[in-house]
């Protein structure tokens, strides 16, 4: 489990009142982690047409802040 998942589960991540806030919330709702048969994690949006760039940007920021 990555830093973003931990922060979300612990309710420690707060979204600022920015124009992108609603889009980020939508992306978080459709984002999922899948396990491959080899046991590796893959991260993607639920549907191919959904975006995940804001989720990944926030995840990188969380990872950098906790590393």
C-alpha atoms as a PDB file:
ATOM      1  CA  UNK A   1       0.000   0.000   0.000  1.00  0.00           C
ATOM      2  CA  UNK A   2       1.393   3.371  -0.994  1.00  0.00           C
ATOM      3  CA  UNK A   3       1.473   6.672   0.863  1.00  0.00           C
ATOM      4  CA  UNK A   4      -1.613   8.023  -0.922  1.00  0.00           C
ATOM      5  CA  UNK A   5      -3.674   4.962   0.048  1.00  0.00           C
ATOM      6  CA  UNK A   6      -2.536   5.246   3.661  1.00  0.00           C
ATOM      7  CA  UNK A   7      -3.392   8.940   3.834  1.00  0.00           C
ATOM      8  CA  UNK A   8      -6.820   8.353   2.302  1.00  0.00           C
ATOM      9  CA  UNK A   9      -7.623   5.437   4.613  1.00  0.00           C
ATOM     10  CA  UNK A  10      -6.533   7.413   7.671  1.00  0.00           C
ATOM     11  CA  UNK A  11      -8.523  10.455   6.469  1.00  0.00           C
ATOM     12  CA  UNK A  12      -5.346  12.560   6.643  1.00  0.00           C
ATOM     13  CA  UNK A  13      -5.480  13.889   3.093  1.00  0.00           C
ATOM     14  CA  UNK A  14      -7.495  17.052   2.614  1.00  0.00           C
ATOM     15  CA  UNK A  15      -8.273  18.544  -0.775  1.00  0.00           C
ATOM     16  CA  UNK A  16      -7.872  22.298  -1.049  1.00  0.00           C
ATOM     17  CA  UNK A  17     -10.696  24.346  -2.536  1.00  0.00           C
ATOM     18  CA  UNK A  18      -9.167  24.471  -6.010  1.00  0.00           C
ATOM     19  CA  UNK A  19     -10.885  24.208  -9.414  1.00  0.00           C
ATOM     20  CA  UNK A  20      -9.396  20.723  -9.899  1.00  0.00           C
ATOM     21  CA  UNK A  21     -10.861  19.392  -6.645  1.00  0.00           C
ATOM     22  CA  UNK A  22     -13.972  17.837  -8.206  1.00  0.00           C
ATOM     23  CA  UNK A  23     -11.985  16.292 -11.048  1.00  0.00           C
ATOM     24  CA  UNK A  24      -9.524  14.762  -8.577  1.00  0.00           C
ATOM     25  CA  UNK A  25     -12.407  13.344  -6.530  1.00  0.00           C
ATOM     26  CA  UNK A  26     -13.891  11.772  -9.686  1.00  0.00           C
ATOM     27  CA  UNK A  27     -10.537  10.287 -10.629  1.00  0.00           C
ATOM     28  CA  UNK A  28     -10.074   8.855  -7.129  1.00  0.00           C
ATOM     29  CA  UNK A  29     -13.481   7.178  -7.395  1.00  0.00           C
ATOM     30  CA  UNK A  30     -12.542   5.348 -10.618  1.00  0.00           C
ATOM     31  CA  UNK A  31      -8.905   4.577  -9.776  1.00  0.00           C
ATOM     32  CA  UNK A  32      -8.074   1.020  -8.781  1.00  0.00           C
ATOM     33  CA  UNK A  33      -5.211  -1.313  -8.027  1.00  0.00           C
ATOM     34  CA  UNK A  34      -5.103  -4.704  -9.712  1.00  0.00           C
ATOM     35  CA  UNK A  35      -2.898  -7.660  -8.905  1.00  0.00           C
ATOM     36  CA  UNK A  36      -1.324  -9.575 -11.769  1.00  0.00           C
ATOM     37  CA  UNK A  37      -0.968 -13.343 -11.700  1.00  0.00           C
ATOM     38  CA  UNK A  38       2.682 -12.797 -10.755  1.00  0.00           C
ATOM     39  CA  UNK A  39       1.575 -10.818  -7.683  1.00  0.00           C
ATOM     40  CA  UNK A  40       2.576  -7.377  -8.995  1.00  0.00           C
ATOM     41  CA  UNK A  41       0.373  -4.336  -8.527  1.00  0.00           C
ATOM     42  CA  UNK A  42      -0.853  -2.326 -11.504  1.00  0.00           C
ATOM     43  CA  UNK A  43      -2.583   1.028 -11.126  1.00  0.00           C
ATOM     44  CA  UNK A  44      -5.173   2.343 -13.553  1.00  0.00           C
ATOM     45  CA  UNK A  45      -8.544   3.914 -14.031  1.00  0.00           C
ATOM     46  CA  UNK A  46     -11.530   1.635 -13.965  1.00  0.00           C
ATOM     47  CA  UNK A  47     -12.430   2.396 -17.579  1.00  0.00           C
ATOM     48  CA  UNK A  48     -10.087   3.225 -20.393  1.00  0.00           C
ATOM     49  CA  UNK A  49     -11.756   6.585 -21.050  1.00  0.00           C
ATOM     50  CA  UNK A  50     -11.282   7.765 -17.439  1.00  0.00           C
ATOM     51  CA  UNK A  51      -8.287   9.883 -16.552  1.00  0.00           C
ATOM     52  CA  UNK A  52      -5.870   9.287 -13.702  1.00  0.00           C
ATOM     53  CA  UNK A  53      -3.253  12.013 -14.138  1.00  0.00           C
ATOM     54  CA  UNK A  54      -4.337  14.038 -11.093  1.00  0.00           C
ATOM     55  CA  UNK A  55      -4.362  10.916  -8.909  1.00  0.00           C
ATOM     56  CA  UNK A  56      -0.855  10.014 -10.010  1.00  0.00           C
ATOM     57  CA  UNK A  57       0.383  13.593  -9.491  1.00  0.00           C
ATOM     58  CA  UNK A  58      -0.995  13.655  -5.932  1.00  0.00           C
ATOM     59  CA  UNK A  59       0.405  10.155  -5.282  1.00  0.00           C
ATOM     60  CA  UNK A  60       3.879  11.283  -6.380  1.00  0.00           C
ATOM     61  CA  UNK A  61       3.671  14.289  -4.071  1.00  0.00           C
ATOM     62  CA  UNK A  62       2.622  12.082  -1.140  1.00  0.00           C
ATOM     63  CA  UNK A  63       5.372   9.597  -1.898  1.00  0.00           C
ATOM     64  CA  UNK A  64       7.982  12.369  -2.102  1.00  0.00           C
ATOM     65  CA  UNK A  65       6.810  13.902   1.167  1.00  0.00           C
ATOM     66  CA  UNK A  66       6.996  10.600   3.031  1.00  0.00           C
ATOM     67  CA  UNK A  67      10.280   9.318   1.567  1.00  0.00           C
END
